[in-house]
PDB file of N, CA and C in Angstrom:
ATOM      1  N   MET A   1       0.841  -1.172   0.000  1.00  0.00           N
ATOM      2  CA  MET A   1       0.000   0.000   0.000  1.00  0.00           C
ATOM      3  C   MET A   1       0.893   1.246   0.000  1.00  0.00           C
ATOM      4  N   ALA A   2       0.663   2.131  -0.940  1.00  0.00           N
ATOM      5  CA  ALA A   2       1.449   3.360  -1.028  1.00  0.00           C
ATOM      6  C   ALA A   2       0.963   4.384  -0.004  1.00  0.00           C
ATOM      7  N   ILE A   3       1.882   5.103   0.551  1.00  0.00           N
ATOM      8  CA  ILE A   3       1.553   6.163   1.501  1.00  0.00           C
ATOM      9  C   ILE A   3       1.312   7.450   0.727  1.00  0.00           C
ATOM     10  N   VAL A   4       0.242   8.142   1.070  1.00  0.00           N
ATOM     11  CA  VAL A   4      -0.081   9.415   0.420  1.00  0.00           C
ATOM     12  C   VAL A   4       0.052  10.513   1.464  1.00  0.00           C
ATOM     13  N   ILE A   5       0.853  11.510   1.177  1.00  0.00           N
ATOM     14  CA  ILE A   5       1.022  12.661   2.059  1.00  0.00           C
ATOM     15  C   ILE A   5       0.182  13.804   1.496  1.00  0.00           C
ATOM     16  N   TYR A   6      -0.612  14.420   2.361  1.00  0.00           N
ATOM     17  CA  TYR A   6      -1.505  15.498   1.946  1.00  0.00           C
ATOM     18  C   TYR A   6      -1.023  16.842   2.467  1.00  0.00           C
ATOM     19  N   THR A   7      -1.339  17.872   1.723  1.00  0.00           N
ATOM     20  CA  THR A   7      -1.151  19.245   2.153  1.00  0.00           C
ATOM     21  C   THR A   7      -2.516  19.778   2.573  1.00  0.00           C
ATOM     22  N   VAL A   8      -2.598  20.359   3.761  1.00  0.00           N
ATOM     23  CA  VAL A   8      -3.845  20.977   4.213  1.00  0.00           C
ATOM     24  C   VAL A   8      -3.901  22.375   3.623  1.00  0.00           C
ATOM     25  N   LEU A   9      -4.908  22.611   2.789  1.00  0.00           N
ATOM     26  CA  LEU A   9      -5.028  23.907   2.114  1.00  0.00           C
ATOM     27  C   LEU A   9      -5.853  24.907   2.913  1.00  0.00           C
ATOM     28  N   LYS A  10      -6.857  24.410   3.619  1.00  0.00           N
ATOM     29  CA  LYS A  10      -7.718  25.305   4.396  1.00  0.00           C
ATOM     30  C   LYS A  10      -8.391  24.495   5.494  1.00  0.00           C
ATOM     31  N   GLU A  11      -8.538  25.111   6.663  1.00  0.00           N
ATOM     32  CA  GLU A  11      -9.254  24.480   7.764  1.00  0.00           C
ATOM     33  C   GLU A  11     -10.429  25.356   8.162  1.00  0.00           C
ATOM     34  N   PHE A  12     -11.530  24.710   8.494  1.00  0.00           N
ATOM     35  CA  PHE A  12     -12.724  25.382   8.977  1.00  0.00           C
ATOM     36  C   PHE A  12     -13.023  24.861  10.373  1.00  0.00           C
ATOM     37  N   PHE A  13     -13.485  25.731  11.254  1.00  0.00           N
ATOM     38  CA  PHE A  13     -13.946  25.349  12.578  1.00  0.00           C
ATOM     39  C   PHE A  13     -15.333  25.951  12.745  1.00  0.00           C
ATOM     40  N   VAL A  14     -16.337  25.099  12.908  1.00  0.00           N
ATOM     41  CA  VAL A  14     -17.709  25.570  13.071  1.00  0.00           C
ATOM     42  C   VAL A  14     -18.340  24.861  14.256  1.00  0.00           C
ATOM     43  N   GLU A  15     -19.383  25.444  14.784  1.00  0.00           N
ATOM     44  CA  GLU A  15     -20.154  24.810  15.848  1.00  0.00           C
ATOM     45  C   GLU A  15     -21.554  24.576  15.326  1.00  0.00           C
ATOM     46  N   ILE A  16     -21.983  23.317  15.374  1.00  0.00           N
ATOM     47  CA  ILE A  16     -23.309  22.944  14.898  1.00  0.00           C
ATOM     48  C   ILE A  16     -24.059  22.312  16.063  1.00  0.00           C
ATOM     49  N   HIS A  17     -25.085  22.990  16.546  1.00  0.00           N
ATOM     50  CA  HIS A  17     -25.873  22.520  17.687  1.00  0.00           C
ATOM     51  C   HIS A  17     -24.987  22.146  18.869  1.00  0.00           C
ATOM     52  N   GLY A  18     -23.999  22.963  19.153  1.00  0.00           N
ATOM     53  CA  GLY A  18     -23.122  22.733  20.289  1.00  0.00           C
ATOM     54  C   GLY A  18     -22.006  21.732  20.046  1.00  0.00           C
ATOM     55  N   HIS A  19     -21.919  21.192  18.857  1.00  0.00           N
ATOM     56  CA  HIS A  19     -20.858  20.243  18.515  1.00  0.00           C
ATOM     57  C   HIS A  19     -19.785  20.972  17.715  1.00  0.00           C
ATOM     58  N   ALA A  20     -18.559  20.923  18.199  1.00  0.00           N
ATOM     59  CA  ALA A  20     -17.442  21.532  17.475  1.00  0.00           C
ATOM     60  C   ALA A  20     -17.081  20.630  16.303  1.00  0.00           C
ATOM     61  N   VAL A  21     -17.132  21.178  15.104  1.00  0.00           N
ATOM     62  CA  VAL A  21     -16.824  20.419  13.894  1.00  0.00           C
ATOM     63  C   VAL A  21     -15.613  21.060  13.224  1.00  0.00           C
ATOM     64  N   LYS A  22     -14.622  20.246  12.946  1.00  0.00           N
ATOM     65  CA  LYS A  22     -13.425  20.712  12.257  1.00  0.00           C
ATOM     66  C   LYS A  22     -13.435  20.077  10.868  1.00  0.00           C
ATOM     67  N   ALA A  23     -13.116  20.867   9.866  1.00  0.00           N
ATOM     68  CA  ALA A  23     -13.099  20.371   8.498  1.00  0.00           C
ATOM     69  C   ALA A  23     -11.848  20.881   7.793  1.00  0.00           C
ATOM     70  N   ARG A  24     -11.347  20.070   6.883  1.00  0.00           N
ATOM     71  CA  ARG A  24     -10.137  20.428   6.133  1.00  0.00           C
ATOM     72  C   ARG A  24     -10.335  20.150   4.658  1.00  0.00           C
ATOM     73  N   ILE A  25      -9.739  21.000   3.842  1.00  0.00           N
ATOM     74  CA  ILE A  25      -9.608  20.708   2.416  1.00  0.00           C
ATOM     75  C   ILE A  25      -8.154  20.322   2.198  1.00  0.00           C
ATOM     76  N   LEU A  26      -7.948  19.167   1.560  1.00  0.00           N
ATOM     77  CA  LEU A  26      -6.620  18.587   1.397  1.00  0.00           C
ATOM     78  C   LEU A  26      -6.313  18.338  -0.070  1.00  0.00           C
ATOM     79  N   SER A  27      -5.021  18.272  -0.364  1.00  0.00           N
ATOM     80  CA  SER A  27      -4.560  17.891  -1.693  1.00  0.00           C
ATOM     81  C   SER A  27      -3.312  17.035  -1.527  1.00  0.00           C
ATOM     82  N   PRO A  28      -3.223  15.913  -2.267  1.00  0.00           N
ATOM     83  CA  PRO A  28      -2.001  15.113  -2.184  1.00  0.00           C
ATOM     84  C   PRO A  28      -0.795  15.933  -2.648  1.00  0.00           C
ATOM     85  N   VAL A  29       0.335  15.746  -1.990  1.00  0.00           N
ATOM     86  CA  VAL A  29       1.544  16.494  -2.333  1.00  0.00           C
ATOM     87  C   VAL A  29       1.959  16.228  -3.777  1.00  0.00           C
ATOM     88  N   HIS A  30       1.802  14.990  -4.229  1.00  0.00           N
ATOM     89  CA  HIS A  30       2.253  14.607  -5.567  1.00  0.00           C
ATOM     90  C   HIS A  30       1.259  14.939  -6.675  1.00  0.00           C
ATOM     91  N   ASP A  31       0.045  15.434  -6.330  1.00  0.00           N
ATOM     92  CA  ASP A  31      -0.980  15.709  -7.343  1.00  0.00           C
ATOM     93  C   ASP A  31      -1.708  16.997  -6.989  1.00  0.00           C
ATOM     94  N   ALA A  32      -1.301  18.084  -7.591  1.00  0.00           N
ATOM     95  CA  ALA A  32      -1.889  19.394  -7.289  1.00  0.00           C
ATOM     96  C   ALA A  32      -3.261  19.592  -7.929  1.00  0.00           C
ATOM     97  N   ASN A  33      -3.750  18.608  -8.684  1.00  0.00           N
ATOM     98  CA  ASN A  33      -5.043  18.730  -9.346  1.00  0.00           C
ATOM     99  C   ASN A  33      -6.120  17.852  -8.721  1.00  0.00           C
ATOM    100  N   THR A  34      -5.862  17.327  -7.529  1.00  0.00           N
ATOM    101  CA  THR A  34      -6.829  16.501  -6.819  1.00  0.00           C
ATOM    102  C   THR A  34      -7.065  17.093  -5.434  1.00  0.00           C
ATOM    103  N   PHE A  35      -8.342  17.197  -5.064  1.00  0.00           N
ATOM    104  CA  PHE A  35      -8.712  17.796  -3.791  1.00  0.00           C
ATOM    105  C   PHE A  35      -9.757  16.920  -3.114  1.00  0.00           C
ATOM    106  N   THR A  36      -9.730  16.898  -1.806  1.00  0.00           N
ATOM    107  CA  THR A  36     -10.725  16.179  -1.030  1.00  0.00           C
ATOM    108  C   THR A  36     -10.950  16.939   0.269  1.00  0.00           C
ATOM    109  N   PHE A  37     -11.955  16.548   1.024  1.00  0.00           N
ATOM    110  CA  PHE A  37     -12.127  17.167   2.327  1.00  0.00           C
ATOM    111  C   PHE A  37     -12.384  16.107   3.380  1.00  0.00           C
ATOM    112  N   GLN A  38     -12.095  16.476   4.613  1.00  0.00           N
ATOM    113  CA  GLN A  38     -12.187  15.583   5.755  1.00  0.00           C
ATOM    114  C   GLN A  38     -12.948  16.312   6.857  1.00  0.00           C
ATOM    115  N   ILE A  39     -13.836  15.600   7.539  1.00  0.00           N
ATOM    116  CA  ILE A  39     -14.687  16.180   8.577  1.00  0.00           C
ATOM    117  C   ILE A  39     -14.444  15.433   9.886  1.00  0.00           C
ATOM    118  N   SER A  40     -14.411  16.149  11.010  1.00  0.00           N
ATOM    119  CA  SER A  40     -14.165  15.501  12.305  1.00  0.00           C
ATOM    120  C   SER A  40     -15.402  14.810  12.867  1.00  0.00           C
ATOM    121  N   LEU A  41     -16.598  15.191  12.438  1.00  0.00           N
ATOM    122  CA  LEU A  41     -17.842  14.539  12.858  1.00  0.00           C
ATOM    123  C   LEU A  41     -18.721  14.329  11.636  1.00  0.00           C
ATOM    124  N   PHE A  42     -19.515  13.273  11.659  1.00  0.00           N
ATOM    125  CA  PHE A  42     -20.465  12.998  10.583  1.00  0.00           C
ATOM    126  C   PHE A  42     -21.875  13.118  11.135  1.00  0.00           C
ATOM    127  N   PHE A  43     -22.875  13.096  10.246  1.00  0.00           N
ATOM    128  CA  PHE A  43     -24.258  13.148  10.720  1.00  0.00           C
ATOM    129  C   PHE A  43     -25.035  11.930  10.232  1.00  0.00           C
ATOM    130  N   LYS A  44     -26.048  11.548  11.023  1.00  0.00           N
ATOM    131  CA  LYS A  44     -26.964  10.475  10.647  1.00  0.00           C
ATOM    132  C   LYS A  44     -28.375  11.040  10.680  1.00  0.00           C
ATOM    133  N   SER A  45     -29.120  10.813   9.628  1.00  0.00           N
ATOM    134  CA  SER A  45     -30.511  11.244   9.635  1.00  0.00           C
ATOM    135  C   SER A  45     -31.342  10.239  10.427  1.00  0.00           C
ATOM    136  N   LYS A  46     -32.559  10.605  10.744  1.00  0.00           N
ATOM    137  CA  LYS A  46     -33.418   9.719  11.538  1.00  0.00           C
ATOM    138  C   LYS A  46     -33.724   8.424  10.789  1.00  0.00           C
ATOM    139  N   SER A  47     -33.731   8.467   9.459  1.00  0.00           N
ATOM    140  CA  SER A  47     -34.102   7.286   8.674  1.00  0.00           C
ATOM    141  C   SER A  47     -32.899   6.441   8.242  1.00  0.00           C
ATOM    142  N   ALA A  48     -31.673   6.875   8.565  1.00  0.00           N
ATOM    143  CA  ALA A  48     -30.485   6.136   8.124  1.00  0.00           C
ATOM    144  C   ALA A  48     -29.758   5.532   9.318  1.00  0.00           C
ATOM    145  N   ALA A  49     -29.324   4.289   9.153  1.00  0.00           N
ATOM    146  CA  ALA A  49     -28.579   3.631  10.220  1.00  0.00           C
ATOM    147  C   ALA A  49     -27.106   4.032  10.202  1.00  0.00           C
ATOM    148  N   ASP A  50     -26.588   4.340   9.023  1.00  0.00           N
ATOM    149  CA  ASP A  50     -25.166   4.676   8.876  1.00  0.00           C
ATOM    150  C   ASP A  50     -24.974   6.181   8.766  1.00  0.00           C
ATOM    151  N   ALA A  51     -23.795   6.614   9.180  1.00  0.00           N
ATOM    152  CA  ALA A  51     -23.460   8.037   9.089  1.00  0.00           C
ATOM    153  C   ALA A  51     -23.232   8.436   7.635  1.00  0.00           C
ATOM    154  N   ASN A  52     -23.557   9.675   7.318  1.00  0.00           N
ATOM    155  CA  ASN A  52     -23.345  10.218   5.979  1.00  0.00           C
ATOM    156  C   ASN A  52     -21.901  10.710   5.899  1.00  0.00           C
ATOM    157  N   GLU A  53     -21.008   9.845   5.436  1.00  0.00           N
ATOM    158  CA  GLU A  53     -19.588  10.159   5.377  1.00  0.00           C
ATOM    159  C   GLU A  53     -19.202  10.562   3.956  1.00  0.00           C
ATOM    160  N   PRO A  54     -18.734  11.775   3.758  1.00  0.00           N
ATOM    161  CA  PRO A  54     -18.328  12.176   2.407  1.00  0.00           C
ATOM    162  C   PRO A  54     -17.053  11.446   1.994  1.00  0.00           C
ATOM    163  N   ALA A  55     -17.010  10.975   0.761  1.00  0.00           N
ATOM    164  CA  ALA A  55     -15.837  10.254   0.277  1.00  0.00           C
ATOM    165  C   ALA A  55     -15.647  10.543  -1.206  1.00  0.00           C
ATOM    166  N   SER A  56     -15.378  11.776  -1.536  1.00  0.00           N
ATOM    167  CA  SER A  56     -15.228  12.160  -2.932  1.00  0.00           C
ATOM    168  C   SER A  56     -13.925  12.913  -3.137  1.00  0.00           C
ATOM    169  N   THR A  57     -13.419  12.822  -4.332  1.00  0.00           N
ATOM    170  CA  THR A  57     -12.292  13.660  -4.728  1.00  0.00           C
ATOM    171  C   THR A  57     -12.756  14.565  -5.853  1.00  0.00           C
ATOM    172  N   PHE A  58     -12.140  15.716  -5.954  1.00  0.00           N
ATOM    173  CA  PHE A  58     -12.553  16.731  -6.914  1.00  0.00           C
ATOM    174  C   PHE A  58     -11.335  17.200  -7.695  1.00  0.00           C
ATOM    175  N   THR A  59     -11.579  17.753  -8.864  1.00  0.00           N
ATOM    176  CA  THR A  59     -10.481  18.221  -9.709  1.00  0.00           C
ATOM    177  C   THR A  59     -10.233  19.712  -9.581  1.00  0.00           C
ATOM    178  N   SER A  60     -11.028  20.394  -8.763  1.00  0.00           N
ATOM    179  CA  SER A  60     -10.762  21.812  -8.526  1.00  0.00           C
ATOM    180  C   SER A  60     -11.005  22.137  -7.058  1.00  0.00           C
ATOM    181  N   TYR A  61     -10.240  23.086  -6.568  1.00  0.00           N
ATOM    182  CA  TYR A  61     -10.365  23.524  -5.176  1.00  0.00           C
ATOM    183  C   TYR A  61     -11.756  24.106  -4.928  1.00  0.00           C
ATOM    184  N   ALA A  62     -12.244  24.919  -5.860  1.00  0.00           N
ATOM    185  CA  ALA A  62     -13.543  25.569  -5.690  1.00  0.00           C
ATOM    186  C   ALA A  62     -14.666  24.541  -5.556  1.00  0.00           C
ATOM    187  N   THR A  63     -14.604  23.477  -6.325  1.00  0.00           N
ATOM    188  CA  THR A  63     -15.628  22.435  -6.246  1.00  0.00           C
ATOM    189  C   THR A  63     -15.552  21.717  -4.902  1.00  0.00           C
ATOM    190  N   ALA A  64     -14.344  21.413  -4.441  1.00  0.00           N
ATOM    191  CA  ALA A  64     -14.186  20.765  -3.135  1.00  0.00           C
ATOM    192  C   ALA A  64     -14.730  21.662  -2.029  1.00  0.00           C
ATOM    193  N   GLU A  65     -14.421  22.948  -2.093  1.00  0.00           N
ATOM    194  CA  GLU A  65     -14.905  23.879  -1.073  1.00  0.00           C
ATOM    195  C   GLU A  65     -16.427  23.994  -1.113  1.00  0.00           C
ATOM    196  N   ARG A  66     -16.997  24.052  -2.299  1.00  0.00           N
ATOM    197  CA  ARG A  66     -18.452  24.146  -2.431  1.00  0.00           C
ATOM    198  C   ARG A  66     -19.131  22.902  -1.848  1.00  0.00           C
ATOM    199  N   HIS A  67     -18.580  21.708  -2.114  1.00  0.00           N
ATOM    200  CA  HIS A  67     -19.147  20.483  -1.567  1.00  0.00           C
ATOM    201  C   HIS A  67     -18.982  20.419  -0.043  1.00  0.00           C
ATOM    202  N   LEU A  68     -17.859  20.895   0.461  1.00  0.00           N
ATOM    203  CA  LEU A  68     -17.650  20.926   1.911  1.00  0.00           C
ATOM    204  C   LEU A  68     -18.679  21.835   2.580  1.00  0.00           C
ATOM    205  N   LEU A  69     -18.867  23.034   2.060  1.00  0.00           N
ATOM    206  CA  LEU A  69     -19.831  23.966   2.645  1.00  0.00           C
ATOM    207  C   LEU A  69     -21.254  23.418   2.544  1.00  0.00           C
ATOM    208  N   SER A  70     -21.559  22.725   1.452  1.00  0.00           N
ATOM    209  CA  SER A  70     -22.865  22.083   1.299  1.00  0.00           C
ATOM    210  C   SER A  70     -23.035  20.970   2.330  1.00  0.00           C
ATOM    211  N   TYR A  71     -21.967  20.201   2.572  1.00  0.00           N
ATOM    212  CA  TYR A  71     -22.022  19.140   3.577  1.00  0.00           C
ATOM    213  C   TYR A  71     -22.296  19.733   4.958  1.00  0.00           C
ATOM    214  N   LEU A  72     -21.613  20.824   5.298  1.00  0.00           N
ATOM    215  CA  LEU A  72     -21.832  21.465   6.599  1.00  0.00           C
ATOM    216  C   LEU A  72     -23.259  21.991   6.729  1.00  0.00           C
ATOM    217  N   GLU A  73     -23.808  22.514   5.645  1.00  0.00           N
ATOM    218  CA  GLU A  73     -25.193  22.978   5.662  1.00  0.00           C
ATOM    219  C   GLU A  73     -26.153  21.797   5.846  1.00  0.00           C
ATOM    220  N   ASP A  74     -25.881  20.687   5.144  1.00  0.00           N
ATOM    221  CA  ASP A  74     -26.701  19.484   5.312  1.00  0.00           C
ATOM    222  C   ASP A  74     -26.607  18.955   6.740  1.00  0.00           C
ATOM    223  N   PHE A  75     -25.424  19.040   7.336  1.00  0.00           N
ATOM    224  CA  PHE A  75     -25.200  18.621   8.719  1.00  0.00           C
ATOM    225  C   PHE A  75     -26.136  19.422   9.634  1.00  0.00           C
ATOM    226  N   GLN A  76     -26.129  20.747   9.469  1.00  0.00           N
ATOM    227  CA  GLN A  76     -26.985  21.634  10.267  1.00  0.00           C
ATOM    228  C   GLN A  76     -28.462  21.278  10.070  1.00  0.00           C
ATOM    229  N   ASN A  77     -28.876  21.117   8.825  1.00  0.00           N
ATOM    230  CA  ASN A  77     -30.275  20.811   8.523  1.00  0.00           C
ATOM    231  C   ASN A  77     -30.698  19.470   9.108  1.00  0.00           C
ATOM    232  N   THR A  78     -29.819  18.478   9.046  1.00  0.00           N
ATOM    233  CA  THR A  78     -30.140  17.156   9.578  1.00  0.00           C
ATOM    234  C   THR A  78     -30.338  17.207  11.086  1.00  0.00           C
ATOM    235  N   LEU A  79     -29.468  17.936  11.788  1.00  0.00           N
ATOM    236  CA  LEU A  79     -29.638  18.054  13.235  1.00  0.00           C
ATOM    237  C   LEU A  79     -30.887  18.872  13.569  1.00  0.00           C
ATOM    238  N   ASP A  80     -31.211  19.867  12.743  1.00  0.00           N
ATOM    239  CA  ASP A  80     -32.447  20.633  12.951  1.00  0.00           C
ATOM    240  C   ASP A  80     -33.670  19.723  12.896  1.00  0.00           C
ATOM    241  N   LEU A  81     -33.594  18.676  12.054  1.00  0.00           N
ATOM    242  CA  LEU A  81     -34.724  17.769  11.868  1.00  0.00           C
ATOM    243  C   LEU A  81     -34.652  16.528  12.746  1.00  0.00           C
ATOM    244  N   GLY A  82     -33.766  16.539  13.757  1.00  0.00           N
ATOM    245  CA  GLY A  82     -33.706  15.444  14.712  1.00  0.00           C
ATOM    246  C   GLY A  82     -32.667  14.371  14.432  1.00  0.00           C
ATOM    247  N   GLY A  83     -31.759  14.623  13.513  1.00  0.00           N
ATOM    248  CA  GLY A  83     -30.700  13.661  13.223  1.00  0.00           C
ATOM    249  C   GLY A  83     -29.696  13.588  14.369  1.00  0.00           C
ATOM    250  N   GLU A  84     -28.702  12.707  14.211  1.00  0.00           N
ATOM    251  CA  GLU A  84     -27.720  12.479  15.257  1.00  0.00           C
ATOM    252  C   GLU A  84     -26.304  12.754  14.737  1.00  0.00           C
ATOM    253  N   VAL A  85     -25.396  12.919  15.685  1.00  0.00           N
ATOM    254  CA  VAL A  85     -23.981  13.109  15.368  1.00  0.00           C
ATOM    255  C   VAL A  85     -23.272  11.765  15.531  1.00  0.00           C
ATOM    256  N   ALA A  86     -22.408  11.433  14.572  1.00  0.00           N
ATOM    257  CA  ALA A  86     -21.586  10.223  14.647  1.00  0.00           C
ATOM    258  C   ALA A  86     -20.126  10.639  14.634  1.00  0.00           C
ATOM    259  N   GLN A  87     -19.282   9.854  15.278  1.00  0.00           N
ATOM    260  CA  GLN A  87     -17.849  10.147  15.259  1.00  0.00           C
ATOM    261  C   GLN A  87     -17.325  10.054  13.839  1.00  0.00           C
ATOM    262  N   GLY A  88     -16.408  10.927  13.513  1.00  0.00           N
ATOM    263  CA  GLY A  88     -15.828  10.949  12.188  1.00  0.00           C
ATOM    264  C   GLY A  88     -14.336  10.683  12.234  1.00  0.00           C
ATOM    265  N   SER A  89     -13.575  11.503  11.546  1.00  0.00           N
ATOM    266  CA  SER A  89     -12.131  11.356  11.464  1.00  0.00           C
ATOM    267  C   SER A  89     -11.480  11.892  12.730  1.00  0.00           C
ATOM    268  N   ASN A  90     -10.459  11.230  13.174  1.00  0.00           N
ATOM    269  CA  ASN A  90      -9.659  11.739  14.288  1.00  0.00           C
ATOM    270  C   ASN A  90      -8.442  12.422  13.714  1.00  0.00           C
ATOM    271  N   PHE A  91      -8.363  13.728  13.884  1.00  0.00           N
ATOM    272  CA  PHE A  91      -7.176  14.452  13.416  1.00  0.00           C
ATOM    273  C   PHE A  91      -6.857  15.595  14.315  1.00  0.00           C
TER     274      PHE A  91
END
């Protein structure tokens, strides 16, 4: 298994319903055209047994940032409607 080293391009710190959520936009050191994001907590809706964990890569920073902000908004909306918080990435 190859080791991938990432560069953290931007970090966000938000509070959603009293839960501190940390998020990062990352890019592999060897590939400046690939971006992903990582979240410290995930959300579960009332109808889903599993947490909604984002697992996508993007070819532009702007697209990754837009998807991250959309995920955070969905997180807020899900908790507003009675969803739950699940543990996410430890970083």
